[in-house]
Amino acid sequence: MANILVVDDEIGIRELLSEILSDEGHVVQTADSAASARAMRQTEAPDLVLLDIWMPDTDGVTLLKEWAASGQLTMPVIMMSGHATIDTASEAARFGALDFLEKPIAMTRLLSSIKSGLEHARLARTPEAARGAFAATPLREPQDVADAKPHAALGTATIAGVAVSLDQPLREARDQFERVYFEYHLGRENFSMTRVADRAGLERTHLYRKLKQLGVELARGGRRSERPAGMPLHDPDLDADALGD
């Protein structure tokens, strides 16, 4: 059990994350702004913080920098956003963010990240661990994340948990990648063809033809044999719209 602080200006996200984490046995506190989170941190250090990037008073990266500069970054911080760029995520990592979660957040991804963060905090609680260790040793620079994913073998790339052989002809490799891509976004968008078409930059009619050509099933469940384990499937306990942007 851990004491987790959830910082997000959207009440729906705060309530949903609080419910999920409470069900996992954690004690959850919530803050609706950077000012509130700042005051709560001064009173007591949580075991882990889930910190939204875009907030109306002070953005999450600025608050992270404040904690790092003042020696208050003694706990793992996991950033959250639906609109952050790679540059923003990289900046947060440089200042001590342990991980980055893109909204809508998959439950398996959320719980896995929290588990890793709490384990990192446990290992940091040693006589040699200096105060502010999280500011000094961020774990997940974007290139580190890519490098940490093991390849099944030489000549194989792992995309969203699916091994794609690089030794096959380009057309077959491209088709396999596109199947993984569309299955991922279909699951993520709860099989909304409109949202998937917008994200892929395709007309809906073109998208339908493309999915048929690739052999991607349009019903929930898709191609079960190759579906990545961490794909954000629709879950009534973790509604994608509720965790939205």
C-alpha atoms as a PDB file:
ATOM      1  CA  MET A   1       0.000   0.000   0.000  1.00  0.00           C
ATOM      2  CA  ALA A   2       1.304   3.462  -0.889  1.00  0.00           C
ATOM      3  CA  ASN A   3       0.283   7.074  -0.390  1.00  0.00           C
ATOM      4  CA  ILE A   4      -0.283   8.461  -3.896  1.00  0.00           C
ATOM      5  CA  LEU A   5      -0.992  12.080  -4.813  1.00  0.00           C
ATOM      6  CA  VAL A   6      -3.026  12.666  -8.003  1.00  0.00           C
ATOM      7  CA  VAL A   7      -2.696  16.188  -9.427  1.00  0.00           C
ATOM      8  CA  ASP A   8      -5.098  17.082 -12.237  1.00  0.00           C
ATOM      9  CA  ASP A   9      -7.436  20.022 -12.822  1.00  0.00           C
ATOM     10  CA  GLU A  10     -10.177  17.741 -14.236  1.00  0.00           C
ATOM     11  CA  ILE A  11     -12.393  16.359 -11.489  1.00  0.00           C
ATOM     12  CA  GLY A  12     -13.450  13.342 -13.560  1.00  0.00           C
ATOM     13  CA  ILE A  13      -9.854  12.171 -13.950  1.00  0.00           C
ATOM     14  CA  ARG A  14      -9.074  12.758 -10.280  1.00  0.00           C
ATOM     15  CA  GLU A  15     -12.107  10.766  -9.157  1.00  0.00           C
ATOM     16  CA  LEU A  16     -11.521   7.923 -11.612  1.00  0.00           C
ATOM     17  CA  LEU A  17      -7.830   7.518 -10.812  1.00  0.00           C
ATOM     18  CA  SER A  18      -8.616   7.753  -7.104  1.00  0.00           C
ATOM     19  CA  GLU A  19     -11.194   4.969  -7.406  1.00  0.00           C
ATOM     20  CA  ILE A  20      -8.874   2.706  -9.409  1.00  0.00           C
ATOM     21  CA  LEU A  21      -5.893   3.188  -7.110  1.00  0.00           C
ATOM     22  CA  SER A  22      -8.012   2.819  -3.974  1.00  0.00           C
ATOM     23  CA  ASP A  23      -9.257  -0.509  -5.316  1.00  0.00           C
ATOM     24  CA  GLU A  24      -5.592  -1.513  -5.633  1.00  0.00           C
ATOM     25  CA  GLY A  25      -5.134  -0.858  -1.930  1.00  0.00           C
ATOM     26  CA  HIS A  26      -3.430   2.551  -2.092  1.00  0.00           C
ATOM     27  CA  VAL A  27      -4.250   5.653  -0.070  1.00  0.00           C
ATOM     28  CA  VAL A  28      -5.032   8.419  -2.554  1.00  0.00           C
ATOM     29  CA  GLN A  29      -4.966  12.181  -2.115  1.00  0.00           C
ATOM     30  CA  THR A  30      -5.989  14.563  -4.880  1.00  0.00           C
ATOM     31  CA  ALA A  31      -5.088  18.120  -5.826  1.00  0.00           C
ATOM     32  CA  ASP A  32      -6.858  20.217  -8.447  1.00  0.00           C
ATOM     33  CA  SER A  33      -4.000  22.642  -9.095  1.00  0.00           C
ATOM     34  CA  ALA A  34      -0.264  23.085  -8.803  1.00  0.00           C
ATOM     35  CA  ALA A  35      -0.790  25.444  -5.846  1.00  0.00           C
ATOM     36  CA  SER A  36      -2.725  22.798  -3.955  1.00  0.00           C
ATOM     37  CA  ALA A  37      -0.134  20.119  -4.791  1.00  0.00           C
ATOM     38  CA  ARG A  38       2.669  22.452  -3.700  1.00  0.00           C
ATOM     39  CA  ALA A  39       1.024  22.999  -0.317  1.00  0.00           C
ATOM     40  CA  MET A  40       0.357  19.287   0.186  1.00  0.00           C
ATOM     41  CA  ARG A  41       3.973  18.417  -0.628  1.00  0.00           C
ATOM     42  CA  GLN A  42       5.237  20.908   1.942  1.00  0.00           C
ATOM     43  CA  THR A  43       3.092  19.217   4.574  1.00  0.00           C
ATOM     44  CA  GLU A  44       4.016  15.629   3.735  1.00  0.00           C
ATOM     45  CA  ALA A  45       5.890  13.789   0.999  1.00  0.00           C
ATOM     46  CA  PRO A  46       3.714  11.200  -0.794  1.00  0.00           C
ATOM     47  CA  ASP A  47       5.155   7.894  -1.937  1.00  0.00           C
ATOM     48  CA  LEU A  48       4.385   8.730  -5.586  1.00  0.00           C
ATOM     49  CA  VAL A  49       2.824  11.578  -7.589  1.00  0.00           C
ATOM     50  CA  LEU A  50       0.718  11.417 -10.749  1.00  0.00           C
ATOM     51  CA  LEU A  51       1.132  14.925 -12.187  1.00  0.00           C
ATOM     52  CA  ASP A  52      -0.826  16.428 -15.080  1.00  0.00           C
ATOM     53  CA  ILE A  53       1.228  18.651 -17.387  1.00  0.00           C
ATOM     54  CA  TRP A  54      -1.368  21.193 -18.507  1.00  0.00           C
ATOM     55  CA  MET A  55      -3.041  23.006 -15.613  1.00  0.00           C
ATOM     56  CA  PRO A  56      -4.468  26.529 -15.481  1.00  0.00           C
ATOM     57  CA  ASP A  57      -2.288  28.015 -12.715  1.00  0.00           C
ATOM     58  CA  THR A  58       1.154  26.412 -13.110  1.00  0.00           C
ATOM     59  CA  ASP A  59       1.996  23.612 -15.522  1.00  0.00           C
ATOM     60  CA  GLY A  60       3.219  20.288 -14.197  1.00  0.00           C
ATOM     61  CA  VAL A  61       6.741  20.565 -15.645  1.00  0.00           C
ATOM     62  CA  THR A  62       7.257  23.909 -13.877  1.00  0.00           C
ATOM     63  CA  LEU A  63       6.085  22.395 -10.591  1.00  0.00           C
ATOM     64  CA  LEU A  64       8.435  19.451 -11.149  1.00  0.00           C
ATOM     65  CA  LYS A  65      11.334  21.902 -11.647  1.00  0.00           C
ATOM     66  CA  GLU A  66      10.398  23.699  -8.417  1.00  0.00           C
ATOM     67  CA  TRP A  67      10.465  20.460  -6.441  1.00  0.00           C
ATOM     68  CA  ALA A  68      13.792  19.469  -7.979  1.00  0.00           C
ATOM     69  CA  ALA A  69      15.382  22.867  -7.269  1.00  0.00           C
ATOM     70  CA  SER A  70      14.161  22.963  -3.657  1.00  0.00           C
ATOM     71  CA  GLY A  71      15.194  19.405  -2.812  1.00  0.00           C
ATOM     72  CA  GLN A  72      11.574  18.282  -2.477  1.00  0.00           C
ATOM     73  CA  LEU A  73      11.711  15.791  -5.348  1.00  0.00           C
ATOM     74  CA  THR A  74      12.196  12.844  -3.012  1.00  0.00           C
ATOM     75  CA  MET A  75       9.402  10.742  -4.541  1.00  0.00           C
ATOM     76  CA  PRO A  76       8.817   9.337  -8.029  1.00  0.00           C
ATOM     77  CA  VAL A  77       6.721  11.592 -10.267  1.00  0.00           C
ATOM     78  CA  ILE A  78       4.794  10.241 -13.245  1.00  0.00           C
ATOM     79  CA  MET A  79       3.636  12.870 -15.732  1.00  0.00           C
ATOM     80  CA  MET A  80       0.258  12.696 -17.527  1.00  0.00           C
ATOM     81  CA  SER A  81      -1.039  14.523 -20.593  1.00  0.00           C
ATOM     82  CA  GLY A  82      -3.198  14.165 -23.659  1.00  0.00           C
ATOM     83  CA  HIS A  83      -1.438  16.901 -25.633  1.00  0.00           C
ATOM     84  CA  ALA A  84       2.233  16.835 -24.646  1.00  0.00           C
ATOM     85  CA  THR A  85       4.937  16.749 -27.296  1.00  0.00           C
ATOM     86  CA  ILE A  86       8.102  14.652 -27.280  1.00  0.00           C
ATOM     87  CA  ASP A  87      10.027  17.801 -26.311  1.00  0.00           C
ATOM     88  CA  THR A  88       7.796  18.314 -23.279  1.00  0.00           C
ATOM     89  CA  ALA A  89       8.182  14.695 -22.199  1.00  0.00           C
ATOM     90  CA  SER A  90      11.960  14.928 -22.656  1.00  0.00           C
ATOM     91  CA  GLU A  91      12.118  18.105 -20.590  1.00  0.00           C
ATOM     92  CA  ALA A  92      10.142  16.462 -17.791  1.00  0.00           C
ATOM     93  CA  ALA A  93      12.494  13.466 -17.872  1.00  0.00           C
ATOM     94  CA  ARG A  94      15.539  15.734 -17.598  1.00  0.00           C
ATOM     95  CA  PHE A  95      14.144  17.288 -14.438  1.00  0.00           C
ATOM     96  CA  GLY A  96      13.394  13.976 -12.757  1.00  0.00           C
ATOM     97  CA  ALA A  97      10.078  12.623 -14.067  1.00  0.00           C
ATOM     98  CA  LEU A  98      10.137   8.869 -13.806  1.00  0.00           C
ATOM     99  CA  ASP A  99       7.620   8.111 -16.540  1.00  0.00           C
ATOM    100  CA  PHE A 100       5.073   9.675 -18.882  1.00  0.00           C
ATOM    101  CA  LEU A 101       1.494   8.481 -19.399  1.00  0.00           C
ATOM    102  CA  GLU A 102      -0.447   9.604 -22.452  1.00  0.00           C
ATOM    103  CA  LYS A 103      -4.188  10.155 -22.013  1.00  0.00           C
ATOM    104  CA  PRO A 104      -6.452   8.273 -22.395  1.00  0.00           C
ATOM    105  CA  ILE A 105      -4.502   6.061 -20.010  1.00  0.00           C
ATOM    106  CA  ALA A 106      -4.642   2.280 -20.300  1.00  0.00           C
ATOM    107  CA  MET A 107      -5.259   0.622 -16.952  1.00  0.00           C
ATOM    108  CA  THR A 108      -2.466  -1.917 -17.453  1.00  0.00           C
ATOM    109  CA  ARG A 109      -0.044   0.894 -18.369  1.00  0.00           C
ATOM    110  CA  LEU A 110      -1.113   2.935 -15.347  1.00  0.00           C
ATOM    111  CA  LEU A 111      -0.690   0.108 -12.855  1.00  0.00           C
ATOM    112  CA  SER A 112       2.579  -1.045 -14.405  1.00  0.00           C
ATOM    113  CA  SER A 113       4.057   2.453 -14.230  1.00  0.00           C
ATOM    114  CA  ILE A 114       2.992   2.897 -10.607  1.00  0.00           C
ATOM    115  CA  LYS A 115       4.429  -0.490  -9.666  1.00  0.00           C
ATOM    116  CA  SER A 116       7.761   0.412 -11.281  1.00  0.00           C
ATOM    117  CA  GLY A 117       7.771   3.820  -9.615  1.00  0.00           C
ATOM    118  CA  LEU A 118       7.134   2.414  -6.142  1.00  0.00           C
ATOM    119  CA  GLU A 119       9.820  -0.227  -6.646  1.00  0.00           C
ATOM    120  CA  HIS A 120      12.280   2.480  -7.697  1.00  0.00           C
ATOM    121  CA  ALA A 121      11.368   4.452  -4.566  1.00  0.00           C
ATOM    122  CA  ARG A 122      11.920   1.377  -2.393  1.00  0.00           C
ATOM    123  CA  LEU A 123      15.387   0.806  -3.848  1.00  0.00           C
ATOM    124  CA  ALA A 124      16.228   4.478  -3.346  1.00  0.00           C
ATOM    125  CA  ARG A 125      15.513   4.254   0.394  1.00  0.00           C
ATOM    126  CA  THR A 126      18.991   3.098   1.376  1.00  0.00           C
ATOM    127  CA  PRO A 127      21.600   4.722   3.645  1.00  0.00           C
ATOM    128  CA  GLU A 128      23.463   5.786   0.499  1.00  0.00           C
ATOM    129  CA  ALA A 129      20.435   7.359  -1.170  1.00  0.00           C
ATOM    130  CA  ALA A 130      20.776  11.112  -1.062  1.00  0.00           C
ATOM    131  CA  ARG A 131      17.875  13.493  -0.641  1.00  0.00           C
ATOM    132  CA  GLY A 132      16.631  14.528  -4.063  1.00  0.00           C
ATOM    133  CA  ALA A 133      17.805  11.326  -5.725  1.00  0.00           C
ATOM    134  CA  PHE A 134      14.894  11.413  -8.146  1.00  0.00           C
ATOM    135  CA  ALA A 135      15.968  14.787  -9.479  1.00  0.00           C
ATOM    136  CA  ALA A 136      19.492  13.481 -10.027  1.00  0.00           C
ATOM    137  CA  THR A 137      18.656  10.194 -11.699  1.00  0.00           C
ATOM    138  CA  PRO A 138      15.607  10.306 -13.994  1.00  0.00           C
ATOM    139  CA  LEU A 139      14.879   6.832 -15.300  1.00  0.00           C
ATOM    140  CA  ARG A 140      13.073   7.217 -18.524  1.00  0.00           C
ATOM    141  CA  GLU A 141      14.533   9.466 -21.151  1.00  0.00           C
ATOM    142  CA  PRO A 142      12.655   8.690 -24.404  1.00  0.00           C
ATOM    143  CA  GLN A 143      15.707   7.024 -25.954  1.00  0.00           C
ATOM    144  CA  ASP A 144      16.124   4.881 -22.815  1.00  0.00           C
ATOM    145  CA  VAL A 145      12.583   3.606 -23.192  1.00  0.00           C
ATOM    146  CA  ALA A 146      13.233   2.569 -26.770  1.00  0.00           C
ATOM    147  CA  ASP A 147      16.566   0.952 -25.930  1.00  0.00           C
ATOM    148  CA  ALA A 148      15.102  -0.953 -22.987  1.00  0.00           C
ATOM    149  CA  LYS A 149      12.603  -2.882 -25.103  1.00  0.00           C
ATOM    150  CA  PRO A 150      14.218  -6.236 -25.882  1.00  0.00           C
ATOM    151  CA  HIS A 151      14.111  -7.478 -29.455  1.00  0.00           C
ATOM    152  CA  ALA A 152      13.040 -11.060 -29.935  1.00  0.00           C
ATOM    153  CA  ALA A 153      16.066 -11.647 -32.190  1.00  0.00           C
ATOM    154  CA  LEU A 154      18.378  -9.910 -34.613  1.00  0.00           C
ATOM    155  CA  GLY A 155      16.433  -8.687 -37.617  1.00  0.00           C
ATOM    156  CA  THR A 156      13.281  -8.232 -35.540  1.00  0.00           C
ATOM    157  CA  ALA A 157      11.649  -5.016 -34.357  1.00  0.00           C
ATOM    158  CA  THR A 158       9.118  -4.926 -31.522  1.00  0.00           C
ATOM    159  CA  ILE A 159       6.220  -2.561 -32.187  1.00  0.00           C
ATOM    160  CA  ALA A 160       3.554  -2.158 -29.490  1.00  0.00           C
ATOM    161  CA  GLY A 161       4.526  -5.558 -28.141  1.00  0.00           C
ATOM    162  CA  VAL A 162       4.356  -7.329 -31.518  1.00  0.00           C
ATOM    163  CA  ALA A 163       7.507  -8.683 -33.193  1.00  0.00           C
ATOM    164  CA  VAL A 164       7.871  -7.578 -36.818  1.00  0.00           C
ATOM    165  CA  SER A 165      10.508  -9.374 -38.908  1.00  0.00           C
ATOM    166  CA  LEU A 166      12.799  -7.006 -40.793  1.00  0.00           C
ATOM    167  CA  ASP A 167      13.970  -9.822 -43.057  1.00  0.00           C
ATOM    168  CA  GLN A 168      10.676 -10.071 -44.923  1.00  0.00           C
ATOM    169  CA  PRO A 169       9.903  -8.059 -48.075  1.00  0.00           C
ATOM    170  CA  LEU A 170       9.062  -4.405 -47.487  1.00  0.00           C
ATOM    171  CA  ARG A 171       5.408  -4.789 -48.513  1.00  0.00           C
ATOM    172  CA  GLU A 172       4.782  -7.579 -45.988  1.00  0.00           C
ATOM    173  CA  ALA A 173       6.604  -5.689 -43.237  1.00  0.00           C
ATOM    174  CA  ARG A 174       4.596  -2.555 -44.001  1.00  0.00           C
ATOM    175  CA  ASP A 175       1.307  -4.458 -43.969  1.00  0.00           C
ATOM    176  CA  GLN A 176       2.200  -6.044 -40.634  1.00  0.00           C
ATOM    177  CA  PHE A 177       3.078  -2.671 -39.160  1.00  0.00           C
ATOM    178  CA  GLU A 178      -0.171  -1.146 -40.447  1.00  0.00           C
ATOM    179  CA  ARG A 179      -2.196  -3.991 -38.898  1.00  0.00           C
ATOM    180  CA  VAL A 180      -0.540  -3.376 -35.538  1.00  0.00           C
ATOM    181  CA  TYR A 181      -1.068   0.390 -35.913  1.00  0.00           C
ATOM    182  CA  PHE A 182      -4.771   0.198 -36.747  1.00  0.00           C
ATOM    183  CA  GLU A 183      -5.536  -2.510 -34.169  1.00  0.00           C
ATOM    184  CA  TYR A 184      -3.852  -0.392 -31.515  1.00  0.00           C
ATOM    185  CA  HIS A 185      -5.873   2.714 -32.363  1.00  0.00           C
ATOM    186  CA  LEU A 186      -9.133   0.799 -32.797  1.00  0.00           C
ATOM    187  CA  GLY A 187      -8.734  -0.565 -29.274  1.00  0.00           C
ATOM    188  CA  ARG A 188      -7.624   2.791 -27.934  1.00  0.00           C
ATOM    189  CA  GLU A 189     -10.577   4.646 -29.480  1.00  0.00           C
ATOM    190  CA  ASN A 190     -13.100   1.951 -28.476  1.00  0.00           C
ATOM    191  CA  PHE A 191     -13.581   0.998 -32.163  1.00  0.00           C
ATOM    192  CA  SER A 192     -14.748   4.473 -33.157  1.00  0.00           C
ATOM    193  CA  MET A 193     -14.062   4.642 -36.883  1.00  0.00           C
ATOM    194  CA  THR A 194     -14.450   8.414 -36.888  1.00  0.00           C
ATOM    195  CA  ARG A 195     -11.764   8.974 -34.258  1.00  0.00           C
ATOM    196  CA  VAL A 196      -9.400   6.413 -35.810  1.00  0.00           C
ATOM    197  CA  ALA A 197      -9.835   8.006 -39.240  1.00  0.00           C
ATOM    198  CA  ASP A 198      -9.080  11.455 -37.790  1.00  0.00           C
ATOM    199  CA  ARG A 199      -5.973  10.185 -36.012  1.00  0.00           C
ATOM    200  CA  ALA A 200      -4.705   8.347 -39.111  1.00  0.00           C
ATOM    201  CA  GLY A 201      -5.507  11.267 -41.417  1.00  0.00           C
ATOM    202  CA  LEU A 202      -7.732   9.152 -43.665  1.00  0.00           C
ATOM    203  CA  GLU A 203     -11.233   9.433 -45.006  1.00  0.00           C
ATOM    204  CA  ARG A 204     -13.562   6.911 -43.363  1.00  0.00           C
ATOM    205  CA  THR A 205     -14.246   5.125 -46.657  1.00  0.00           C
ATOM    206  CA  HIS A 206     -10.502   4.818 -47.273  1.00  0.00           C
ATOM    207  CA  LEU A 207     -10.039   3.532 -43.733  1.00  0.00           C
ATOM    208  CA  TYR A 208     -12.698   0.848 -44.201  1.00  0.00           C
ATOM    209  CA  ARG A 209     -11.009  -0.326 -47.418  1.00  0.00           C
ATOM    210  CA  LYS A 210      -7.606  -0.324 -45.769  1.00  0.00           C
ATOM    211  CA  LEU A 211      -8.812  -2.397 -42.788  1.00  0.00           C
ATOM    212  CA  LYS A 212     -10.513  -4.896 -45.075  1.00  0.00           C
ATOM    213  CA  GLN A 213      -7.374  -5.180 -47.194  1.00  0.00           C
ATOM    214  CA  LEU A 214      -5.234  -5.793 -44.075  1.00  0.00           C
ATOM    215  CA  GLY A 215      -7.671  -8.352 -42.659  1.00  0.00           C
ATOM    216  CA  VAL A 216      -8.359  -6.327 -39.508  1.00  0.00           C
ATOM    217  CA  GLU A 217     -11.623  -7.257 -37.846  1.00  0.00           C
ATOM    218  CA  LEU A 218     -13.913  -4.340 -37.053  1.00  0.00           C
ATOM    219  CA  ALA A 219     -15.713  -6.077 -34.193  1.00  0.00           C
ATOM    220  CA  ARG A 220     -14.393  -5.762 -30.653  1.00  0.00           C
ATOM    221  CA  GLY A 221     -11.773  -8.401 -30.061  1.00  0.00           C
ATOM    222  CA  GLY A 222      -9.824  -7.927 -33.296  1.00  0.00           C
ATOM    223  CA  ARG A 223      -6.965 -10.302 -34.157  1.00  0.00           C
ATOM    224  CA  ARG A 224      -6.480 -11.759 -30.702  1.00  0.00           C
ATOM    225  CA  SER A 225      -3.291 -13.618 -31.551  1.00  0.00           C
ATOM    226  CA  GLU A 226      -1.283 -10.436 -32.165  1.00  0.00           C
ATOM    227  CA  ARG A 227      -3.025  -7.884 -29.926  1.00  0.00           C
ATOM    228  CA  PRO A 228      -0.486  -6.220 -27.614  1.00  0.00           C
ATOM    229  CA  ALA A 229      -1.085  -6.985 -23.958  1.00  0.00           C
ATOM    230  CA  GLY A 230      -0.933  -3.327 -22.940  1.00  0.00           C
ATOM    231  CA  MET A 231      -3.398  -1.975 -25.499  1.00  0.00           C
ATOM    232  CA  PRO A 232      -5.957   0.358 -23.869  1.00  0.00           C
ATOM    233  CA  LEU A 233      -9.101  -1.703 -24.431  1.00  0.00           C
ATOM    234  CA  HIS A 234     -12.441  -0.271 -23.407  1.00  0.00           C
ATOM    235  CA  ASP A 235     -13.072  -0.955 -19.763  1.00  0.00           C
ATOM    236  CA  PRO A 236     -16.140   0.303 -17.910  1.00  0.00           C
ATOM    237  CA  ASP A 237     -13.872   0.971 -14.916  1.00  0.00           C
ATOM    238  CA  LEU A 238     -11.488   3.058 -17.033  1.00  0.00           C
ATOM    239  CA  ASP A 239     -13.580   4.904 -19.563  1.00  0.00           C
ATOM    240  CA  ALA A 240     -11.402   6.493 -22.226  1.00  0.00           C
ATOM    241  CA  ASP A 241     -13.575   9.587 -22.413  1.00  0.00           C
ATOM    242  CA  ALA A 242     -13.417  10.004 -18.649  1.00  0.00           C
ATOM    243  CA  LEU A 243      -9.628   9.962 -18.705  1.00  0.00           C
ATOM    244  CA  GLY A 244      -9.697  12.127 -21.826  1.00  0.00           C
ATOM    245  CA  ASP A 245      -7.445  14.930 -22.948  1.00  0.00           C
END
